[in-house]
Amino acid sequence: MNALRPAFVRAACAALPVLLLLATALLALACTGQQSSSAAAASSSAKEAAEMAPEHVGDRPEASEAATTAPATEVVGDPVIYGNVGGHEVTGYVARPKDVTGPLPGLLVIHEWWGLNDNIRAMTRRLAGEGYVALAVDLYGGQVAETPERARELMSAVDPTLALENLSQARDHLAARVQAIGGAPGKIGVIGWCFGGGWSLRSALAMPNGIDATVIYYGHLITDKAELRPLESPVIGFFGADDSSIPPSTVHAFQTALQDLGKSVEIHIYDGAGHAFANPSGTNYRPEAAQNAWKRTVAFLAENLSGSPAGTAGG
């Protein structure tokens, strides 16, 4: 045995450089794969931002009188740290009716391509006033845009994997708040506009057992049936007939795919309206279409989250 040991050691030493070379190659391959995956994800976000950019040429997130519409009931709202993504705390905004102590459903609120700005906080308070614990998420890491150019940069930089982790943690945080108020798990919906409209759909697909109602305002759509199959929640969507980034042909394809799958979907396309027609802090705002969409949104959420009748959402 002693005579064999030097030979064994020599063989092991001779093989060591080869093993190190192989390990280095495998590590490089793994890193390349991760980089390729990240690059593909970034490319997807950049593509969607590029498609949306022409609809915002000359646009600015400047509030109109409609942006200051008061909630139906008095609410309270505060900044909140709801997660930790990529080693960084994520701060959003949460609002709820001031004097309600009983069970309340929850709503995830996803900002448009400008980011979590004052308009989204105002919309969060307005949604809370309808009887919800509403949590506005932040997918831009605390940054907001004042110009379309900056908004495109921020949207293009979103990593879908981190965004889904962000939304998953937001959903869990919201569920805990809802349960703490009502003493039992409550239903949770999701709503988003523009950039956030697309992520509203993706949230419902990624968390089919955690989302009970999905509202999409002119967001990026998925039309592939295989990708849409996991969806469990009912969907309502609002779109502008003059929106070239989310054209009616794509909207109809989305609707048909969901209907073929036996999913619950309700779609509204407004003539004379383009992208961001419901944003009261932008130049594309169309009051009549926005008000009608809001009534339908309130009725849809009440029916699917709190069990109330559809109400007065006609028109």
C-alpha atoms as a PDB file:
ATOM      1  CA  MET A   1       0.000   0.000   0.000  1.00  0.00           C
ATOM      2  CA  ASN A   2       2.807   2.416   0.860  1.00  0.00           C
ATOM      3  CA  ALA A   3       4.429   1.687  -2.503  1.00  0.00           C
ATOM      4  CA  LEU A   4       1.197   2.463  -4.349  1.00  0.00           C
ATOM      5  CA  ARG A   5       0.492   5.732  -2.540  1.00  0.00           C
ATOM      6  CA  PRO A   6       3.039   7.906  -4.423  1.00  0.00           C
ATOM      7  CA  ALA A   7       1.647   6.689  -7.758  1.00  0.00           C
ATOM      8  CA  PHE A   8      -1.906   7.507  -6.666  1.00  0.00           C
ATOM      9  CA  VAL A   9      -0.872  10.957  -5.523  1.00  0.00           C
ATOM     10  CA  ARG A  10       0.985  11.583  -8.755  1.00  0.00           C
ATOM     11  CA  ALA A  11      -2.096  10.553 -10.775  1.00  0.00           C
ATOM     12  CA  ALA A  12      -4.348  12.808  -8.714  1.00  0.00           C
ATOM     13  CA  CYS A  13      -1.990  15.745  -9.112  1.00  0.00           C
ATOM     14  CA  ALA A  14      -1.783  15.137 -12.838  1.00  0.00           C
ATOM     15  CA  ALA A  15      -5.601  15.118 -13.107  1.00  0.00           C
ATOM     16  CA  LEU A  16      -6.074  18.245 -10.993  1.00  0.00           C
ATOM     17  CA  PRO A  17      -5.397  20.789 -13.771  1.00  0.00           C
ATOM     18  CA  VAL A  18      -7.852  18.987 -16.038  1.00  0.00           C
ATOM     19  CA  LEU A  19     -10.526  18.976 -13.314  1.00  0.00           C
ATOM     20  CA  LEU A  20      -9.941  22.652 -12.605  1.00  0.00           C
ATOM     21  CA  LEU A  21     -10.206  23.443 -16.311  1.00  0.00           C
ATOM     22  CA  LEU A  22     -13.459  21.474 -16.555  1.00  0.00           C
ATOM     23  CA  ALA A  23     -14.915  23.201 -13.481  1.00  0.00           C
ATOM     24  CA  THR A  24     -13.973  26.613 -14.887  1.00  0.00           C
ATOM     25  CA  ALA A  25     -15.602  25.767 -18.198  1.00  0.00           C
ATOM     26  CA  LEU A  26     -18.812  24.609 -16.502  1.00  0.00           C
ATOM     27  CA  LEU A  27     -18.914  27.756 -14.361  1.00  0.00           C
ATOM     28  CA  ALA A  28     -18.404  29.938 -17.417  1.00  0.00           C
ATOM     29  CA  LEU A  29     -21.166  28.072 -19.233  1.00  0.00           C
ATOM     30  CA  ALA A  30     -23.538  28.566 -16.304  1.00  0.00           C
ATOM     31  CA  CYS A  31     -22.723  32.279 -16.123  1.00  0.00           C
ATOM     32  CA  THR A  32     -23.208  32.625 -19.859  1.00  0.00           C
ATOM     33  CA  GLY A  33     -26.591  30.948 -19.560  1.00  0.00           C
ATOM     34  CA  GLN A  34     -27.617  33.313 -16.778  1.00  0.00           C
ATOM     35  CA  GLN A  35     -26.406  36.298 -18.761  1.00  0.00           C
ATOM     36  CA  SER A  36     -28.284  35.090 -21.840  1.00  0.00           C
ATOM     37  CA  SER A  37     -31.443  34.651 -19.772  1.00  0.00           C
ATOM     38  CA  SER A  38     -31.061  38.126 -18.241  1.00  0.00           C
ATOM     39  CA  ALA A  39     -30.350  39.616 -21.638  1.00  0.00           C
ATOM     40  CA  ALA A  40     -33.460  37.985 -23.079  1.00  0.00           C
ATOM     41  CA  ALA A  41     -35.548  39.300 -20.188  1.00  0.00           C
ATOM     42  CA  ALA A  42     -34.156  42.801 -20.615  1.00  0.00           C
ATOM     43  CA  SER A  43     -34.811  42.561 -24.335  1.00  0.00           C
ATOM     44  CA  SER A  44     -38.457  41.669 -23.653  1.00  0.00           C
ATOM     45  CA  SER A  45     -38.951  44.678 -21.375  1.00  0.00           C
ATOM     46  CA  ALA A  46     -37.190  46.961 -23.836  1.00  0.00           C
ATOM     47  CA  LYS A  47     -39.367  45.702 -26.692  1.00  0.00           C
ATOM     48  CA  GLU A  48     -42.574  46.412 -24.801  1.00  0.00           C
ATOM     49  CA  ALA A  49     -41.298  49.862 -23.817  1.00  0.00           C
ATOM     50  CA  ALA A  50     -40.416  50.629 -27.438  1.00  0.00           C
ATOM     51  CA  GLU A  51     -43.901  49.617 -28.578  1.00  0.00           C
ATOM     52  CA  MET A  52     -45.477  51.843 -25.954  1.00  0.00           C
ATOM     53  CA  ALA A  53     -43.230  54.867 -26.468  1.00  0.00           C
ATOM     54  CA  PRO A  54     -44.970  56.301 -29.580  1.00  0.00           C
ATOM     55  CA  GLU A  55     -48.226  56.543 -27.621  1.00  0.00           C
ATOM     56  CA  HIS A  56     -46.544  58.848 -25.087  1.00  0.00           C
ATOM     57  CA  VAL A  57     -44.754  61.265 -27.409  1.00  0.00           C
ATOM     58  CA  GLY A  58     -45.163  64.733 -25.902  1.00  0.00           C
ATOM     59  CA  ASP A  59     -46.945  63.292 -22.880  1.00  0.00           C
ATOM     60  CA  ARG A  60     -46.239  64.451 -19.329  1.00  0.00           C
ATOM     61  CA  PRO A  61     -47.476  63.102 -15.965  1.00  0.00           C
ATOM     62  CA  GLU A  62     -49.189  66.393 -15.104  1.00  0.00           C
ATOM     63  CA  ALA A  63     -52.328  66.089 -12.990  1.00  0.00           C
ATOM     64  CA  SER A  64     -55.659  67.382 -14.234  1.00  0.00           C
ATOM     65  CA  GLU A  65     -58.600  68.208 -11.970  1.00  0.00           C
ATOM     66  CA  ALA A  66     -59.822  64.631 -12.380  1.00  0.00           C
ATOM     67  CA  ALA A  67     -56.639  63.340 -10.736  1.00  0.00           C
ATOM     68  CA  THR A  68     -57.730  64.827  -7.422  1.00  0.00           C
ATOM     69  CA  THR A  69     -61.111  63.059  -7.253  1.00  0.00           C
ATOM     70  CA  ALA A  70     -61.772  62.267  -3.598  1.00  0.00           C
ATOM     71  CA  PRO A  71     -62.394  58.680  -2.457  1.00  0.00           C
ATOM     72  CA  ALA A  72     -66.005  57.640  -1.886  1.00  0.00           C
ATOM     73  CA  THR A  73     -65.246  57.284   1.829  1.00  0.00           C
ATOM     74  CA  GLU A  74     -62.473  58.735   3.972  1.00  0.00           C
ATOM     75  CA  VAL A  75     -59.278  56.712   3.829  1.00  0.00           C
ATOM     76  CA  VAL A  76     -55.890  56.565   5.511  1.00  0.00           C
ATOM     77  CA  GLY A  77     -52.692  55.861   3.630  1.00  0.00           C
ATOM     78  CA  ASP A  78     -48.997  55.490   4.389  1.00  0.00           C
ATOM     79  CA  PRO A  79     -45.732  54.338   2.811  1.00  0.00           C
ATOM     80  CA  VAL A  80     -44.938  50.717   3.644  1.00  0.00           C
ATOM     81  CA  ILE A  81     -41.973  48.377   3.251  1.00  0.00           C
ATOM     82  CA  TYR A  82     -43.544  45.221   1.863  1.00  0.00           C
ATOM     83  CA  GLY A  83     -40.596  43.129   0.692  1.00  0.00           C
ATOM     84  CA  ASN A  84     -36.924  42.649  -0.010  1.00  0.00           C
ATOM     85  CA  VAL A  85     -35.964  41.951  -3.620  1.00  0.00           C
ATOM     86  CA  GLY A  86     -32.410  41.492  -4.826  1.00  0.00           C
ATOM     87  CA  GLY A  87     -31.104  42.515  -1.418  1.00  0.00           C
ATOM     88  CA  HIS A  88     -33.029  45.816  -1.412  1.00  0.00           C
ATOM     89  CA  GLU A  89     -36.075  46.787   0.618  1.00  0.00           C
ATOM     90  CA  VAL A  90     -39.119  47.642  -1.482  1.00  0.00           C
ATOM     91  CA  THR A  91     -41.354  50.504  -0.397  1.00  0.00           C
ATOM     92  CA  GLY A  92     -44.904  50.914  -1.646  1.00  0.00           C
ATOM     93  CA  TYR A  93     -48.016  52.743  -0.521  1.00  0.00           C
ATOM     94  CA  VAL A  94     -50.980  51.221   1.312  1.00  0.00           C
ATOM     95  CA  ALA A  95     -54.429  52.729   1.884  1.00  0.00           C
ATOM     96  CA  ARG A  96     -57.675  51.555   3.474  1.00  0.00           C
ATOM     97  CA  PRO A  97     -61.011  52.986   4.618  1.00  0.00           C
ATOM     98  CA  LYS A  98     -60.482  54.959   7.799  1.00  0.00           C
ATOM     99  CA  ASP A  99     -63.368  53.766   9.938  1.00  0.00           C
ATOM    100  CA  VAL A 100     -63.927  50.192   8.716  1.00  0.00           C
ATOM    101  CA  THR A 101     -62.847  47.487  11.140  1.00  0.00           C
ATOM    102  CA  GLY A 102     -64.494  44.406   9.611  1.00  0.00           C
ATOM    103  CA  PRO A 103     -63.229  42.115   6.828  1.00  0.00           C
ATOM    104  CA  LEU A 104     -61.990  43.831   3.671  1.00  0.00           C
ATOM    105  CA  PRO A 105     -60.742  42.397   0.389  1.00  0.00           C
ATOM    106  CA  GLY A 106     -57.309  43.403  -0.879  1.00  0.00           C
ATOM    107  CA  LEU A 107     -56.098  45.018  -4.088  1.00  0.00           C
ATOM    108  CA  LEU A 108     -52.627  45.015  -5.609  1.00  0.00           C
ATOM    109  CA  VAL A 109     -52.171  48.266  -7.542  1.00  0.00           C
ATOM    110  CA  ILE A 110     -49.494  48.352 -10.257  1.00  0.00           C
ATOM    111  CA  HIS A 111     -48.248  51.675 -11.589  1.00  0.00           C
ATOM    112  CA  GLU A 112     -48.069  52.755 -15.220  1.00  0.00           C
ATOM    113  CA  TRP A 113     -44.777  53.429 -16.974  1.00  0.00           C
ATOM    114  CA  TRP A 114     -44.200  56.685 -15.071  1.00  0.00           C
ATOM    115  CA  GLY A 115     -43.663  54.782 -11.807  1.00  0.00           C
ATOM    116  CA  LEU A 116     -45.251  54.980  -8.366  1.00  0.00           C
ATOM    117  CA  ASN A 117     -46.035  58.691  -8.444  1.00  0.00           C
ATOM    118  CA  ASP A 118     -48.637  60.948  -6.831  1.00  0.00           C
ATOM    119  CA  ASN A 119     -51.271  59.926  -9.393  1.00  0.00           C
ATOM    120  CA  ILE A 120     -50.943  56.246  -8.479  1.00  0.00           C
ATOM    121  CA  ARG A 121     -51.083  57.054  -4.777  1.00  0.00           C
ATOM    122  CA  ALA A 122     -54.274  59.055  -5.453  1.00  0.00           C
ATOM    123  CA  MET A 123     -55.764  56.142  -7.428  1.00  0.00           C
ATOM    124  CA  THR A 124     -54.812  53.798  -4.578  1.00  0.00           C
ATOM    125  CA  ARG A 125     -56.693  55.981  -2.093  1.00  0.00           C
ATOM    126  CA  ARG A 126     -59.658  56.142  -4.454  1.00  0.00           C
ATOM    127  CA  LEU A 127     -59.729  52.344  -4.748  1.00  0.00           C
ATOM    128  CA  ALA A 128     -59.422  52.013  -0.973  1.00  0.00           C
ATOM    129  CA  GLY A 129     -62.447  54.278  -0.660  1.00  0.00           C
ATOM    130  CA  GLU A 130     -64.491  51.625  -2.445  1.00  0.00           C
ATOM    131  CA  GLY A 131     -63.858  49.225   0.438  1.00  0.00           C
ATOM    132  CA  TYR A 132     -60.422  47.666  -0.061  1.00  0.00           C
ATOM    133  CA  VAL A 133     -57.019  47.430   1.502  1.00  0.00           C
ATOM    134  CA  ALA A 134     -55.077  48.702  -1.511  1.00  0.00           C
ATOM    135  CA  LEU A 135     -51.324  48.235  -1.837  1.00  0.00           C
ATOM    136  CA  ALA A 136     -49.489  50.125  -4.574  1.00  0.00           C
ATOM    137  CA  VAL A 137     -46.308  48.306  -5.521  1.00  0.00           C
ATOM    138  CA  ASP A 138     -43.072  49.772  -6.872  1.00  0.00           C
ATOM    139  CA  LEU A 139     -41.324  47.966  -9.724  1.00  0.00           C
ATOM    140  CA  TYR A 140     -38.876  50.840 -10.404  1.00  0.00           C
ATOM    141  CA  GLY A 141     -36.898  50.765  -7.167  1.00  0.00           C
ATOM    142  CA  GLY A 142     -38.134  54.126  -5.915  1.00  0.00           C
ATOM    143  CA  GLN A 143     -37.589  55.973  -9.190  1.00  0.00           C
ATOM    144  CA  VAL A 144     -40.252  57.900 -11.093  1.00  0.00           C
ATOM    145  CA  ALA A 145     -40.197  59.477 -14.538  1.00  0.00           C
ATOM    146  CA  GLU A 146     -41.111  63.009 -15.563  1.00  0.00           C
ATOM    147  CA  THR A 147     -40.502  62.525 -19.288  1.00  0.00           C
ATOM    148  CA  PRO A 148     -41.391  59.761 -21.766  1.00  0.00           C
ATOM    149  CA  GLU A 149     -37.699  59.215 -22.424  1.00  0.00           C
ATOM    150  CA  ARG A 150     -36.990  58.495 -18.769  1.00  0.00           C
ATOM    151  CA  ALA A 151     -40.106  56.326 -18.454  1.00  0.00           C
ATOM    152  CA  ARG A 152     -38.928  54.226 -21.380  1.00  0.00           C
ATOM    153  CA  GLU A 153     -35.523  53.785 -19.727  1.00  0.00           C
ATOM    154  CA  LEU A 154     -37.062  52.671 -16.440  1.00  0.00           C
ATOM    155  CA  MET A 155     -39.503  50.274 -18.068  1.00  0.00           C
ATOM    156  CA  SER A 156     -36.785  48.801 -20.302  1.00  0.00           C
ATOM    157  CA  ALA A 157     -34.616  48.062 -17.265  1.00  0.00           C
ATOM    158  CA  VAL A 158     -37.224  45.948 -15.451  1.00  0.00           C
ATOM    159  CA  ASP A 159     -36.087  42.366 -14.885  1.00  0.00           C
ATOM    160  CA  PRO A 160     -39.225  40.171 -15.176  1.00  0.00           C
ATOM    161  CA  THR A 161     -37.913  37.609 -12.698  1.00  0.00           C
ATOM    162  CA  LEU A 162     -37.320  40.246 -10.024  1.00  0.00           C
ATOM    163  CA  ALA A 163     -40.629  41.928 -10.861  1.00  0.00           C
ATOM    164  CA  LEU A 164     -42.540  38.690 -10.253  1.00  0.00           C
ATOM    165  CA  GLU A 165     -40.686  38.169  -6.979  1.00  0.00           C
ATOM    166  CA  ASN A 166     -41.595  41.752  -6.031  1.00  0.00           C
ATOM    167  CA  LEU A 167     -45.278  41.151  -6.818  1.00  0.00           C
ATOM    168  CA  SER A 168     -45.319  37.816  -5.018  1.00  0.00           C
ATOM    169  CA  GLN A 169     -43.979  39.412  -1.846  1.00  0.00           C
ATOM    170  CA  ALA A 170     -46.462  42.269  -2.228  1.00  0.00           C
ATOM    171  CA  ARG A 171     -49.301  39.778  -2.519  1.00  0.00           C
ATOM    172  CA  ASP A 172     -48.152  37.936   0.620  1.00  0.00           C
ATOM    173  CA  HIS A 173     -47.804  41.197   2.548  1.00  0.00           C
ATOM    174  CA  LEU A 174     -51.267  42.306   1.455  1.00  0.00           C
ATOM    175  CA  ALA A 175     -52.792  38.935   2.337  1.00  0.00           C
ATOM    176  CA  ALA A 176     -51.357  39.208   5.842  1.00  0.00           C
ATOM    177  CA  ARG A 177     -52.845  42.690   6.265  1.00  0.00           C
ATOM    178  CA  VAL A 178     -56.232  41.557   4.999  1.00  0.00           C
ATOM    179  CA  GLN A 179     -56.250  38.602   7.373  1.00  0.00           C
ATOM    180  CA  ALA A 180     -55.168  40.744  10.318  1.00  0.00           C
ATOM    181  CA  ILE A 181     -58.121  43.066   9.728  1.00  0.00           C
ATOM    182  CA  GLY A 182     -60.763  40.453   9.039  1.00  0.00           C
ATOM    183  CA  GLY A 183     -59.491  37.590  11.141  1.00  0.00           C
ATOM    184  CA  ALA A 184     -59.553  35.242   8.140  1.00  0.00           C
ATOM    185  CA  PRO A 185     -58.061  35.058   4.643  1.00  0.00           C
ATOM    186  CA  GLY A 186     -59.761  37.444   2.234  1.00  0.00           C
ATOM    187  CA  LYS A 187     -59.959  37.711  -1.517  1.00  0.00           C
ATOM    188  CA  ILE A 188     -57.326  39.687  -3.399  1.00  0.00           C
ATOM    189  CA  GLY A 189     -57.513  41.357  -6.800  1.00  0.00           C
ATOM    190  CA  VAL A 190     -54.963  43.078  -8.999  1.00  0.00           C
ATOM    191  CA  ILE A 191     -55.256  46.197 -11.155  1.00  0.00           C
ATOM    192  CA  GLY A 192     -52.749  47.983 -13.357  1.00  0.00           C
ATOM    193  CA  TRP A 193     -52.506  50.603 -16.062  1.00  0.00           C
ATOM    194  CA  CYS A 194     -50.218  50.726 -19.108  1.00  0.00           C
ATOM    195  CA  PHE A 195     -46.991  49.002 -17.995  1.00  0.00           C
ATOM    196  CA  GLY A 196     -48.901  47.923 -14.896  1.00  0.00           C
ATOM    197  CA  GLY A 197     -51.753  46.522 -16.962  1.00  0.00           C
ATOM    198  CA  GLY A 198     -49.414  43.983 -18.494  1.00  0.00           C
ATOM    199  CA  TRP A 199     -48.073  43.085 -15.068  1.00  0.00           C
ATOM    200  CA  SER A 200     -51.601  42.733 -13.734  1.00  0.00           C
ATOM    201  CA  LEU A 201     -52.125  39.899 -16.219  1.00  0.00           C
ATOM    202  CA  ARG A 202     -48.725  38.360 -15.485  1.00  0.00           C
ATOM    203  CA  SER A 203     -49.432  38.441 -11.755  1.00  0.00           C
ATOM    204  CA  ALA A 204     -52.675  36.540 -12.251  1.00  0.00           C
ATOM    205  CA  LEU A 205     -50.892  33.957 -14.395  1.00  0.00           C
ATOM    206  CA  ALA A 206     -47.980  33.556 -11.970  1.00  0.00           C
ATOM    207  CA  MET A 207     -50.216  33.364  -8.871  1.00  0.00           C
ATOM    208  CA  PRO A 208     -53.391  31.657 -10.135  1.00  0.00           C
ATOM    209  CA  ASN A 209     -54.426  30.537  -6.660  1.00  0.00           C
ATOM    210  CA  GLY A 210     -53.636  33.889  -5.068  1.00  0.00           C
ATOM    211  CA  ILE A 211     -55.481  36.332  -7.332  1.00  0.00           C
ATOM    212  CA  ASP A 212     -59.298  36.423  -7.391  1.00  0.00           C
ATOM    213  CA  ALA A 213     -59.947  39.236  -9.890  1.00  0.00           C
ATOM    214  CA  THR A 214     -57.798  40.837 -12.593  1.00  0.00           C
ATOM    215  CA  VAL A 215     -58.220  44.328 -14.058  1.00  0.00           C
ATOM    216  CA  ILE A 216     -56.176  45.347 -17.104  1.00  0.00           C
ATOM    217  CA  TYR A 217     -56.062  48.902 -18.409  1.00  0.00           C
ATOM    218  CA  TYR A 218     -54.371  48.963 -21.850  1.00  0.00           C
ATOM    219  CA  GLY A 219     -51.545  46.657 -20.812  1.00  0.00           C
ATOM    220  CA  HIS A 220     -49.367  44.284 -22.833  1.00  0.00           C
ATOM    221  CA  LEU A 221     -51.362  41.125 -23.582  1.00  0.00           C
ATOM    222  CA  ILE A 222     -50.602  37.445 -24.065  1.00  0.00           C
ATOM    223  CA  THR A 223     -52.529  35.622 -26.776  1.00  0.00           C
ATOM    224  CA  ASP A 224     -50.943  32.160 -26.617  1.00  0.00           C
ATOM    225  CA  LYS A 225     -53.432  29.680 -25.148  1.00  0.00           C
ATOM    226  CA  ALA A 226     -50.735  27.561 -23.537  1.00  0.00           C
ATOM    227  CA  GLU A 227     -49.457  30.590 -21.605  1.00  0.00           C
ATOM    228  CA  LEU A 228     -52.974  31.683 -20.652  1.00  0.00           C
ATOM    229  CA  ARG A 229     -54.143  28.255 -19.492  1.00  0.00           C
ATOM    230  CA  PRO A 230     -53.046  28.680 -15.813  1.00  0.00           C
ATOM    231  CA  LEU A 231     -55.326  31.711 -15.362  1.00  0.00           C
ATOM    232  CA  GLU A 232     -58.016  31.153 -12.730  1.00  0.00           C
ATOM    233  CA  SER A 233     -59.398  34.610 -11.970  1.00  0.00           C
ATOM    234  CA  PRO A 234     -62.034  36.469 -13.997  1.00  0.00           C
ATOM    235  CA  VAL A 235     -60.575  39.261 -16.145  1.00  0.00           C
ATOM    236  CA  ILE A 236     -61.877  42.641 -17.235  1.00  0.00           C
ATOM    237  CA  GLY A 237     -59.932  44.758 -19.701  1.00  0.00           C
ATOM    238  CA  PHE A 238     -60.192  48.331 -20.977  1.00  0.00           C
ATOM    239  CA  PHE A 239     -58.570  49.501 -24.203  1.00  0.00           C
ATOM    240  CA  GLY A 240     -58.618  52.386 -26.654  1.00  0.00           C
ATOM    241  CA  ALA A 241     -59.608  51.807 -30.266  1.00  0.00           C
ATOM    242  CA  ASP A 242     -56.857  54.223 -31.347  1.00  0.00           C
ATOM    243  CA  ASP A 243     -54.075  52.559 -29.330  1.00  0.00           C
ATOM    244  CA  SER A 244     -51.401  51.363 -31.766  1.00  0.00           C
ATOM    245  CA  SER A 245     -49.293  49.732 -29.020  1.00  0.00           C
ATOM    246  CA  ILE A 246     -52.176  47.478 -27.887  1.00  0.00           C
ATOM    247  CA  PRO A 247     -54.311  47.411 -31.071  1.00  0.00           C
ATOM    248  CA  PRO A 248     -57.898  46.084 -31.111  1.00  0.00           C
ATOM    249  CA  SER A 249     -56.764  43.101 -33.190  1.00  0.00           C
ATOM    250  CA  THR A 250     -54.517  41.970 -30.336  1.00  0.00           C
ATOM    251  CA  VAL A 251     -57.260  42.631 -27.796  1.00  0.00           C
ATOM    252  CA  HIS A 252     -59.715  40.498 -29.760  1.00  0.00           C
ATOM    253  CA  ALA A 253     -57.139  37.701 -30.071  1.00  0.00           C
ATOM    254  CA  PHE A 254     -56.629  37.809 -26.298  1.00  0.00           C
ATOM    255  CA  GLN A 255     -60.366  37.694 -25.671  1.00  0.00           C
ATOM    256  CA  THR A 256     -60.911  34.819 -28.109  1.00  0.00           C
ATOM    257  CA  ALA A 257     -58.067  32.786 -26.602  1.00  0.00           C
ATOM    258  CA  LEU A 258     -59.532  33.124 -23.103  1.00  0.00           C
ATOM    259  CA  GLN A 259     -63.040  32.303 -24.299  1.00  0.00           C
ATOM    260  CA  ASP A 260     -61.753  29.190 -26.083  1.00  0.00           C
ATOM    261  CA  LEU A 261     -60.166  28.124 -22.797  1.00  0.00           C
ATOM    262  CA  GLY A 262     -63.440  28.645 -20.956  1.00  0.00           C
ATOM    263  CA  LYS A 263     -62.080  31.559 -18.920  1.00  0.00           C
ATOM    264  CA  SER A 264     -64.176  34.436 -17.645  1.00  0.00           C
ATOM    265  CA  VAL A 265     -63.270  37.579 -19.621  1.00  0.00           C
ATOM    266  CA  GLU A 266     -64.975  40.919 -20.237  1.00  0.00           C
ATOM    267  CA  ILE A 267     -63.448  43.371 -22.713  1.00  0.00           C
ATOM    268  CA  HIS A 268     -64.299  47.003 -23.452  1.00  0.00           C
ATOM    269  CA  ILE A 269     -62.778  48.972 -26.331  1.00  0.00           C
ATOM    270  CA  TYR A 270     -63.544  52.703 -26.434  1.00  0.00           C
ATOM    271  CA  ASP A 271     -63.873  54.546 -29.728  1.00  0.00           C
ATOM    272  CA  GLY A 272     -61.996  57.834 -29.913  1.00  0.00           C
ATOM    273  CA  ALA A 273     -59.645  56.800 -27.117  1.00  0.00           C
ATOM    274  CA  GLY A 274     -55.985  55.901 -27.320  1.00  0.00           C
ATOM    275  CA  HIS A 275     -53.418  54.544 -24.917  1.00  0.00           C
ATOM    276  CA  ALA A 276     -53.582  55.867 -21.331  1.00  0.00           C
ATOM    277  CA  PHE A 277     -57.081  57.273 -21.860  1.00  0.00           C
ATOM    278  CA  ALA A 278     -57.908  56.688 -18.174  1.00  0.00           C
ATOM    279  CA  ASN A 279     -54.850  58.455 -16.767  1.00  0.00           C
ATOM    280  CA  PRO A 280     -55.990  61.848 -15.392  1.00  0.00           C
ATOM    281  CA  SER A 281     -52.371  62.954 -15.040  1.00  0.00           C
ATOM    282  CA  GLY A 282     -51.511  62.653 -18.719  1.00  0.00           C
ATOM    283  CA  THR A 283     -52.334  64.378 -21.991  1.00  0.00           C
ATOM    284  CA  ASN A 284     -54.171  61.324 -23.407  1.00  0.00           C
ATOM    285  CA  TYR A 285     -56.973  61.481 -20.832  1.00  0.00           C
ATOM    286  CA  ARG A 286     -60.507  60.974 -22.193  1.00  0.00           C
ATOM    287  CA  PRO A 287     -63.030  61.776 -19.421  1.00  0.00           C
ATOM    288  CA  GLU A 288     -66.095  59.930 -20.730  1.00  0.00           C
ATOM    289  CA  ALA A 289     -64.241  56.703 -21.482  1.00  0.00           C
ATOM    290  CA  ALA A 290     -62.346  56.916 -18.193  1.00  0.00           C
ATOM    291  CA  GLN A 291     -65.480  57.452 -16.128  1.00  0.00           C
ATOM    292  CA  ASN A 292     -67.288  54.569 -17.799  1.00  0.00           C
ATOM    293  CA  ALA A 293     -64.291  52.279 -17.288  1.00  0.00           C
ATOM    294  CA  TRP A 294     -64.139  53.298 -13.619  1.00  0.00           C
ATOM    295  CA  LYS A 295     -67.806  52.388 -13.050  1.00  0.00           C
ATOM    296  CA  ARG A 296     -67.265  49.019 -14.669  1.00  0.00           C
ATOM    297  CA  THR A 297     -64.110  48.476 -12.630  1.00  0.00           C
ATOM    298  CA  VAL A 298     -65.864  49.209  -9.339  1.00  0.00           C
ATOM    299  CA  ALA A 299     -68.744  46.862 -10.216  1.00  0.00           C
ATOM    300  CA  PHE A 300     -66.406  44.077 -11.361  1.00  0.00           C
ATOM    301  CA  LEU A 301     -64.295  44.249  -8.206  1.00  0.00           C
ATOM    302  CA  ALA A 302     -67.341  44.376  -5.930  1.00  0.00           C
ATOM    303  CA  GLU A 303     -68.868  41.334  -7.599  1.00  0.00           C
ATOM    304  CA  ASN A 304     -65.701  39.228  -7.573  1.00  0.00           C
ATOM    305  CA  LEU A 305     -64.002  40.290  -4.354  1.00  0.00           C
ATOM    306  CA  SER A 306     -66.777  41.207  -1.943  1.00  0.00           C
ATOM    307  CA  GLY A 307     -69.720  39.358  -3.469  1.00  0.00           C
ATOM    308  CA  SER A 308     -71.760  42.499  -4.107  1.00  0.00           C
ATOM    309  CA  PRO A 309     -74.124  42.724  -7.095  1.00  0.00           C
ATOM    310  CA  ALA A 310     -72.756  44.173 -10.339  1.00  0.00           C
ATOM    311  CA  GLY A 311     -74.422  47.472  -9.522  1.00  0.00           C
ATOM    312  CA  THR A 312     -74.542  50.441 -11.878  1.00  0.00           C
ATOM    313  CA  ALA A 313     -71.814  49.694 -14.349  1.00  0.00           C
ATOM    314  CA  GLY A 314     -73.889  50.093 -17.454  1.00  0.00           C
ATOM    315  CA  GLY A 315     -73.193  52.342 -20.414  1.00  0.00           C
END
